[in-house]
Protein backbone atom coordinates (compact mmCIF):
# COMPACT_ATOMS: atom_id res chain seq x y z
CA UNK A 1 13.24 36.23 -11.77
CA UNK A 2 11.98 33.08 -13.43
CA UNK A 3 8.27 32.92 -14.31
CA UNK A 4 6.52 30.04 -12.60
CA UNK A 5 3.86 28.09 -14.43
CA UNK A 6 1.35 25.74 -12.84
CA UNK A 7 1.69 22.03 -13.47
CA UNK A 8 -0.33 20.69 -16.40
CA UNK A 9 -3.63 19.03 -15.50
CA UNK A 10 -3.09 15.70 -13.78
CA UNK A 11 -4.21 12.58 -15.64
CA UNK A 12 -4.98 9.61 -13.41
CA UNK A 13 -3.01 6.49 -14.36
CA UNK A 14 -4.99 3.80 -16.09
CA UNK A 15 -5.73 0.70 -14.00
CA UNK A 16 -3.89 -2.63 -14.28
CA UNK A 17 -3.12 -4.31 -16.72
CA UNK A 18 -2.69 -1.36 -19.12
CA UNK A 19 -0.40 0.40 -16.68
CA UNK A 20 2.65 -1.32 -15.23
CA UNK A 21 2.71 0.75 -12.04
CA UNK A 22 -0.28 0.64 -9.72
CA UNK A 23 -0.87 3.27 -7.02
CA UNK A 24 -1.02 2.07 -3.43
CA UNK A 25 -4.45 2.44 -1.81
CA UNK A 26 -2.81 4.22 1.13
CA UNK A 27 -1.96 7.31 -0.96
CA UNK A 28 -3.19 10.31 0.98
CA UNK A 29 -5.20 12.07 -1.71
CA UNK A 30 -6.55 11.90 -5.27
CA UNK A 31 -3.06 12.37 -6.80
CA UNK A 32 -1.13 9.15 -6.05
CA UNK A 33 2.60 9.42 -5.54
CA UNK A 34 3.41 5.93 -4.24
CA UNK A 35 3.23 3.06 -6.74
CA UNK A 36 4.36 -0.54 -7.06
CA UNK A 37 5.50 -2.49 -10.11
CA UNK A 38 2.75 -4.93 -11.06
CA UNK A 39 5.21 -6.87 -13.21
CA UNK A 40 7.78 -7.39 -10.45
CA UNK A 41 8.56 -11.05 -9.72
CA UNK A 42 5.95 -12.69 -7.51
CA UNK A 43 8.52 -13.40 -4.79
CA UNK A 44 9.41 -9.68 -4.64
CA UNK A 45 5.75 -8.62 -4.33
CA UNK A 46 5.17 -11.27 -1.68
CA UNK A 47 8.32 -10.30 0.26
CA UNK A 48 7.30 -6.62 0.25
CA UNK A 49 3.84 -7.53 1.54
CA UNK A 50 5.20 -9.83 4.25
CA UNK A 51 7.70 -7.19 5.38
CA UNK A 52 4.93 -4.62 5.95
CA UNK A 53 2.49 -7.01 7.59
CA UNK A 54 5.15 -8.49 9.90
CA UNK A 55 6.30 -5.01 10.97
CA UNK A 56 2.79 -4.08 12.11
CA UNK A 57 2.29 -7.49 13.68
CA UNK A 58 5.48 -7.06 15.74
CA UNK A 59 4.39 -3.64 17.01
CA UNK A 60 0.92 -4.91 17.94
CA UNK A 61 2.32 -8.02 19.66
CA UNK A 62 4.72 -5.88 21.70
CA UNK A 63 1.89 -3.54 22.63
CA UNK A 64 -0.36 -6.43 23.67
CA UNK A 65 2.28 -7.72 26.09
CA UNK A 66 2.30 -4.49 28.06
CA UNK A 67 0.11 -3.97 31.08
CA UNK A 68 -2.56 -1.34 30.91
CA UNK A 69 -2.08 1.40 28.35
CA UNK A 70 -3.62 4.76 29.03
CA UNK A 71 -3.69 7.43 26.36
CA UNK A 72 -5.86 10.04 24.75
CA UNK A 73 -8.24 9.03 21.96
CA UNK A 74 -6.38 11.13 19.37
CA UNK A 75 -3.22 9.14 20.13
CA UNK A 76 -5.09 5.89 19.53
CA UNK A 77 -6.42 7.30 16.26
CA UNK A 78 -2.89 8.23 15.13
CA UNK A 79 -1.59 4.81 16.16
CA UNK A 80 -4.37 3.05 14.26
CA UNK A 81 -3.49 5.04 11.13
CA UNK A 82 0.19 4.21 11.62
CA UNK A 83 -0.71 0.50 11.60
CA UNK A 84 -3.33 0.71 8.84
CA UNK A 85 -1.04 2.25 6.20
CA UNK A 86 1.50 -0.61 5.95
CA UNK A 87 -1.27 -3.19 6.37
CA UNK A 88 -3.17 -1.68 3.42
CA UNK A 89 0.06 -1.58 1.36
CA UNK A 90 0.64 -5.27 2.16
CA UNK A 91 -2.92 -6.12 1.13
CA UNK A 92 -2.49 -4.23 -2.17
CA UNK A 93 0.66 -6.24 -2.92
CA UNK A 94 -0.96 -9.56 -1.97
CA UNK A 95 -3.96 -8.74 -4.17
CA UNK A 96 -1.62 -8.36 -7.14
CA UNK A 97 0.04 -11.70 -6.29
CA UNK A 98 -3.43 -13.29 -6.15
CA UNK A 99 -4.43 -11.79 -9.52
CA UNK A 100 -1.25 -12.98 -11.18
CA UNK A 101 -1.55 -16.50 -9.73
CA UNK A 102 -5.13 -16.94 -10.95
CA UNK A 103 -5.36 -19.10 -14.05
CA UNK A 104 -6.19 -17.15 -17.19
CA UNK A 105 -8.92 -18.39 -19.53
CA UNK A 106 -7.55 -20.24 -22.53
CA UNK A 107 -8.40 -18.62 -25.87
CA UNK A 108 -10.14 -20.98 -28.26
């Protein structure tokens, strides 16, 4: 039988700009596993953000067109989390677009 060894200690990735890949805020714990490429073309970052935000918008618009909706509070909590995750991902991506579009100070 093969001996199992624990993983080496985890080193958190350094923040942008030193690190090309930035963890999404919506990672579920202190060890991020979902990242995005901070150097991806701006149109790709924007498209990824729009895709996530529009998906949640569509679900919420469909829900708002229904009559009364009765459910338990834990179901509402789960639904809110389901919507919050892609919205947060979209905001992370748009923040990177904003940072990259900001003019950089000119060195003298």
